[in-house]
Amino acid sequence: MNPIFQYDRYLLKRQIFALTGKFRYFDPSGKLVMYVEQKMFKLREDIRVYSDESKTQEVLQIKARQIIDFSAAYDVIDSAENKKVGTLRRKGFRSMLRDEWEVLDVNDQVIGKLFEDNIWLALLRRLFLSNLLPQNYDITLREQRVVDLKQRFNLFRYELDVDFSFDPAKTLDRRVGLAAGILLAAIEGKQR
């Protein structure tokens, strides 16, 4: 597995003033380890993740299974191995009040969930204070929190801390957790 997936903590930044969605993942020392430039006007989402901005080495693919789907499923594929490592499936109507996703293994069996951690803050965010209340998500496997995805308060840029330190045994594949961060940033960007 590529060593860029070894860290316990990452920082995701979304570039605000760009025609396409541009995302950068940084390691704990602040070094760029992944870069995404989301394509515009795609009917079926097909996000490619690269090791740097030159886009010479693709490391991950995040592919929607269907063109338009309120409960979309996104396969996470390791590009070097050309194999699926997991899937994230949005819970359509349940995500209206608070974002909720299912985490699936390589055989499409539900193994966990990704969700906004506080339903009351989620409602406040949607109704009144969208930019003023940072979002906080958890990924759980069998009711055990393994990843914390916490948005930093910043009026000018979207920043998300992705913390895997709750999962020292690495029960969740880091590639799936990092794909979750990208999807959350991309969807949040479209909602604004």
Protein backbone atom coordinates (compact mmCIF):
# COMPACT_ATOMS: atom_id res chain seq x y z
CA MET A 1 0.00 0.00 0.00
CA ASN A 2 1.17 3.51 -0.80
CA PRO A 3 2.89 5.12 2.25
CA ILE A 4 0.73 8.26 1.95
CA PHE A 5 -2.05 6.22 3.58
CA GLN A 6 -0.06 5.53 6.78
CA TYR A 7 -0.74 8.68 8.81
CA ASP A 8 -3.13 9.00 11.74
CA ARG A 9 -3.96 12.63 10.97
CA TYR A 10 -4.58 14.59 7.78
CA LEU A 11 -5.78 18.07 6.90
CA LEU A 12 -8.02 18.49 3.86
CA LYS A 13 -8.32 21.93 2.30
CA ARG A 14 -10.74 22.86 -0.46
CA GLN A 15 -9.75 25.71 -2.72
CA ILE A 16 -12.59 28.23 -2.73
CA PHE A 17 -11.96 30.36 -5.81
CA ALA A 18 -11.72 27.75 -8.57
CA LEU A 19 -14.03 26.74 -11.39
CA THR A 20 -13.60 23.07 -10.45
CA GLY A 21 -13.44 21.53 -7.00
CA LYS A 22 -9.80 21.39 -5.92
CA PHE A 23 -8.85 19.54 -2.76
CA ARG A 24 -5.50 19.01 -1.10
CA TYR A 25 -4.64 16.56 1.68
CA PHE A 26 -1.66 17.37 3.90
CA ASP A 27 0.19 15.05 6.28
CA PRO A 28 0.83 16.01 9.95
CA SER A 29 4.01 17.92 8.99
CA GLY A 30 2.10 20.03 6.43
CA LYS A 31 3.45 18.27 3.34
CA LEU A 32 1.05 17.81 0.41
CA VAL A 33 0.31 14.09 0.01
CA MET A 34 -2.83 14.05 -2.18
CA TYR A 35 -4.44 16.34 -4.76
CA VAL A 36 -7.89 16.24 -6.37
CA GLU A 37 -9.26 18.34 -9.19
CA GLN A 38 -12.93 17.48 -9.59
CA LYS A 39 -14.22 17.62 -13.14
CA MET A 40 -17.10 19.95 -13.97
CA PHE A 41 -20.42 18.89 -15.49
CA LYS A 42 -20.05 15.16 -14.82
CA LEU A 43 -23.34 13.28 -14.72
CA ARG A 44 -21.71 10.41 -12.86
CA GLU A 45 -19.12 11.43 -10.30
CA ASP A 46 -15.66 10.03 -11.05
CA ILE A 47 -13.13 11.63 -8.72
CA ARG A 48 -9.44 10.95 -9.26
CA VAL A 49 -6.95 11.43 -6.42
CA TYR A 50 -3.28 12.02 -7.21
CA SER A 51 -0.12 12.06 -5.12
CA ASP A 52 0.60 15.70 -6.10
CA GLU A 53 -0.51 18.59 -8.28
CA SER A 54 1.38 17.33 -11.36
CA LYS A 55 -1.25 14.53 -11.51
CA THR A 56 1.29 11.97 -12.75
CA GLN A 57 0.56 9.30 -10.11
CA GLU A 58 -3.08 8.43 -9.49
CA VAL A 59 -3.57 6.85 -6.06
CA LEU A 60 -7.35 6.57 -5.64
CA GLN A 61 -10.59 6.66 -7.61
CA ILE A 62 -13.97 7.50 -6.12
CA LYS A 63 -16.69 6.43 -8.55
CA ALA A 64 -20.43 6.86 -8.30
CA ARG A 65 -22.29 3.74 -9.37
CA GLN A 66 -25.21 5.57 -10.99
CA ILE A 67 -25.71 8.84 -12.83
CA ILE A 68 -28.03 10.69 -10.46
CA ASP A 69 -29.04 9.07 -7.23
CA PHE A 70 -30.20 10.63 -3.98
CA SER A 71 -28.80 7.60 -2.15
CA ALA A 72 -25.63 7.43 -4.21
CA ALA A 73 -23.02 4.74 -3.64
CA TYR A 74 -19.37 5.62 -4.26
CA ASP A 75 -16.82 2.86 -4.77
CA VAL A 76 -13.33 3.61 -3.46
CA ILE A 77 -10.67 2.02 -5.67
CA ASP A 78 -6.93 1.80 -5.07
CA SER A 79 -5.48 2.84 -8.44
CA ALA A 80 -2.14 1.03 -8.05
CA GLU A 81 -3.80 -2.28 -7.18
CA ASN A 82 -6.85 -1.62 -9.39
CA LYS A 83 -9.16 -3.04 -6.74
CA LYS A 84 -12.09 -1.79 -4.72
CA VAL A 85 -11.26 -1.24 -1.06
CA GLY A 86 -14.73 -0.20 0.12
CA THR A 87 -17.84 1.82 -0.64
CA LEU A 88 -19.59 4.82 0.87
CA ARG A 89 -23.36 4.98 0.37
CA ARG A 90 -25.35 8.09 1.22
CA LYS A 91 -28.59 7.58 3.14
CA GLY A 92 -30.83 9.73 0.94
CA PHE A 93 -33.78 11.06 2.90
CA ARG A 94 -32.13 10.43 6.26
CA SER A 95 -29.40 12.86 5.18
CA MET A 96 -31.89 15.71 4.90
CA LEU A 97 -31.86 16.34 8.64
CA ARG A 98 -28.30 15.27 9.28
CA ASP A 99 -25.76 13.77 6.90
CA GLU A 100 -25.61 10.00 7.19
CA TRP A 101 -23.75 7.42 5.12
CA GLU A 102 -23.17 3.68 5.27
CA VAL A 103 -19.64 2.28 5.10
CA LEU A 104 -19.49 -0.95 3.09
CA ASP A 105 -16.71 -3.50 2.75
CA VAL A 106 -15.41 -4.88 -0.57
CA ASN A 107 -18.37 -7.30 -0.71
CA ASP A 108 -20.92 -4.48 -0.19
CA GLN A 109 -21.74 -5.58 3.34
CA VAL A 110 -22.50 -2.72 5.75
CA ILE A 111 -19.70 -2.53 8.32
CA GLY A 112 -20.23 0.94 9.74
CA LYS A 113 -21.61 4.41 9.31
CA LEU A 114 -20.50 7.98 8.75
CA PHE A 115 -22.70 10.65 10.29
CA GLU A 116 -22.88 14.19 11.61
CA ASP A 117 -22.37 13.75 15.31
CA ASN A 118 -25.05 16.14 16.60
CA ILE A 119 -28.54 16.28 15.11
CA TRP A 120 -29.41 19.61 16.79
CA LEU A 121 -26.34 21.36 15.40
CA ALA A 122 -27.06 19.79 12.01
CA LEU A 123 -30.56 21.30 12.04
CA LEU A 124 -29.23 24.72 13.11
CA ARG A 125 -26.66 24.55 10.32
CA ARG A 126 -29.29 23.77 7.71
CA LEU A 127 -31.84 26.31 8.89
CA PHE A 128 -29.87 29.35 10.07
CA LEU A 129 -26.12 29.23 10.55
CA SER A 130 -24.66 27.30 7.62
CA ASN A 131 -21.24 29.01 7.52
CA LEU A 132 -20.92 29.75 11.21
CA LEU A 133 -21.21 26.25 12.65
CA PRO A 134 -18.44 23.88 11.55
CA GLN A 135 -19.54 20.32 10.87
CA ASN A 136 -18.25 17.34 12.81
CA TYR A 137 -18.58 13.76 11.56
CA ASP A 138 -17.75 10.38 13.01
CA ILE A 139 -17.14 7.07 11.33
CA THR A 140 -18.08 4.10 13.48
CA LEU A 141 -17.57 0.38 12.96
CA ARG A 142 -19.78 -1.78 15.16
CA GLU A 143 -20.67 1.30 17.28
CA GLN A 144 -16.96 2.02 17.93
CA ARG A 145 -15.71 5.41 16.71
CA VAL A 146 -12.70 4.93 14.43
CA VAL A 147 -12.44 8.30 12.63
CA ASP A 148 -13.26 11.89 13.55
CA LEU A 149 -13.75 14.36 10.67
CA LYS A 150 -13.92 17.86 12.08
CA GLN A 151 -14.38 21.01 10.03
CA ARG A 152 -12.33 23.99 11.18
CA PHE A 153 -14.06 27.32 11.58
CA ASN A 154 -12.91 29.43 8.64
CA LEU A 155 -15.12 31.87 6.73
CA PHE A 156 -12.86 31.88 3.68
CA ARG A 157 -11.86 28.27 3.14
CA TYR A 158 -13.15 24.77 3.86
CA GLU A 159 -10.72 22.84 6.07
CA LEU A 160 -11.34 19.39 7.51
CA ASP A 161 -9.21 17.55 10.06
CA VAL A 162 -9.34 13.78 9.52
CA ASP A 163 -8.21 11.91 12.63
CA PHE A 164 -7.67 8.14 12.56
CA SER A 165 -6.00 8.00 16.01
CA PHE A 166 -9.15 6.39 17.47
CA ASP A 167 -8.34 3.33 15.35
CA PRO A 168 -4.79 2.18 16.22
CA ALA A 169 -5.59 -1.35 14.96
CA LYS A 170 -6.50 0.16 11.54
CA THR A 171 -9.81 -1.69 11.36
CA LEU A 172 -11.05 0.87 8.83
CA ASP A 173 -9.05 1.14 5.63
CA ARG A 174 -7.51 4.64 5.64
CA ARG A 175 -8.31 4.98 1.92
CA VAL A 176 -12.05 4.74 2.66
CA GLY A 177 -11.81 7.33 5.44
CA LEU A 178 -9.87 9.73 3.21
CA ALA A 179 -12.39 9.26 0.40
CA ALA A 180 -15.13 10.13 2.92
CA GLY A 181 -13.40 13.45 3.62
CA ILE A 182 -13.26 14.27 -0.09
CA LEU A 183 -16.93 13.38 -0.62
CA LEU A 184 -18.02 15.47 2.37
CA ALA A 185 -16.04 18.47 1.10
CA ALA A 186 -17.32 18.04 -2.47
CA ILE A 187 -20.97 17.69 -1.47
CA GLU A 188 -20.77 20.53 1.04
CA GLY A 189 -19.25 22.69 -1.70
CA LYS A 190 -22.11 21.90 -4.07
CA GLN A 191 -24.70 22.65 -1.39
CA ARG A 192 -23.32 26.15 -0.96
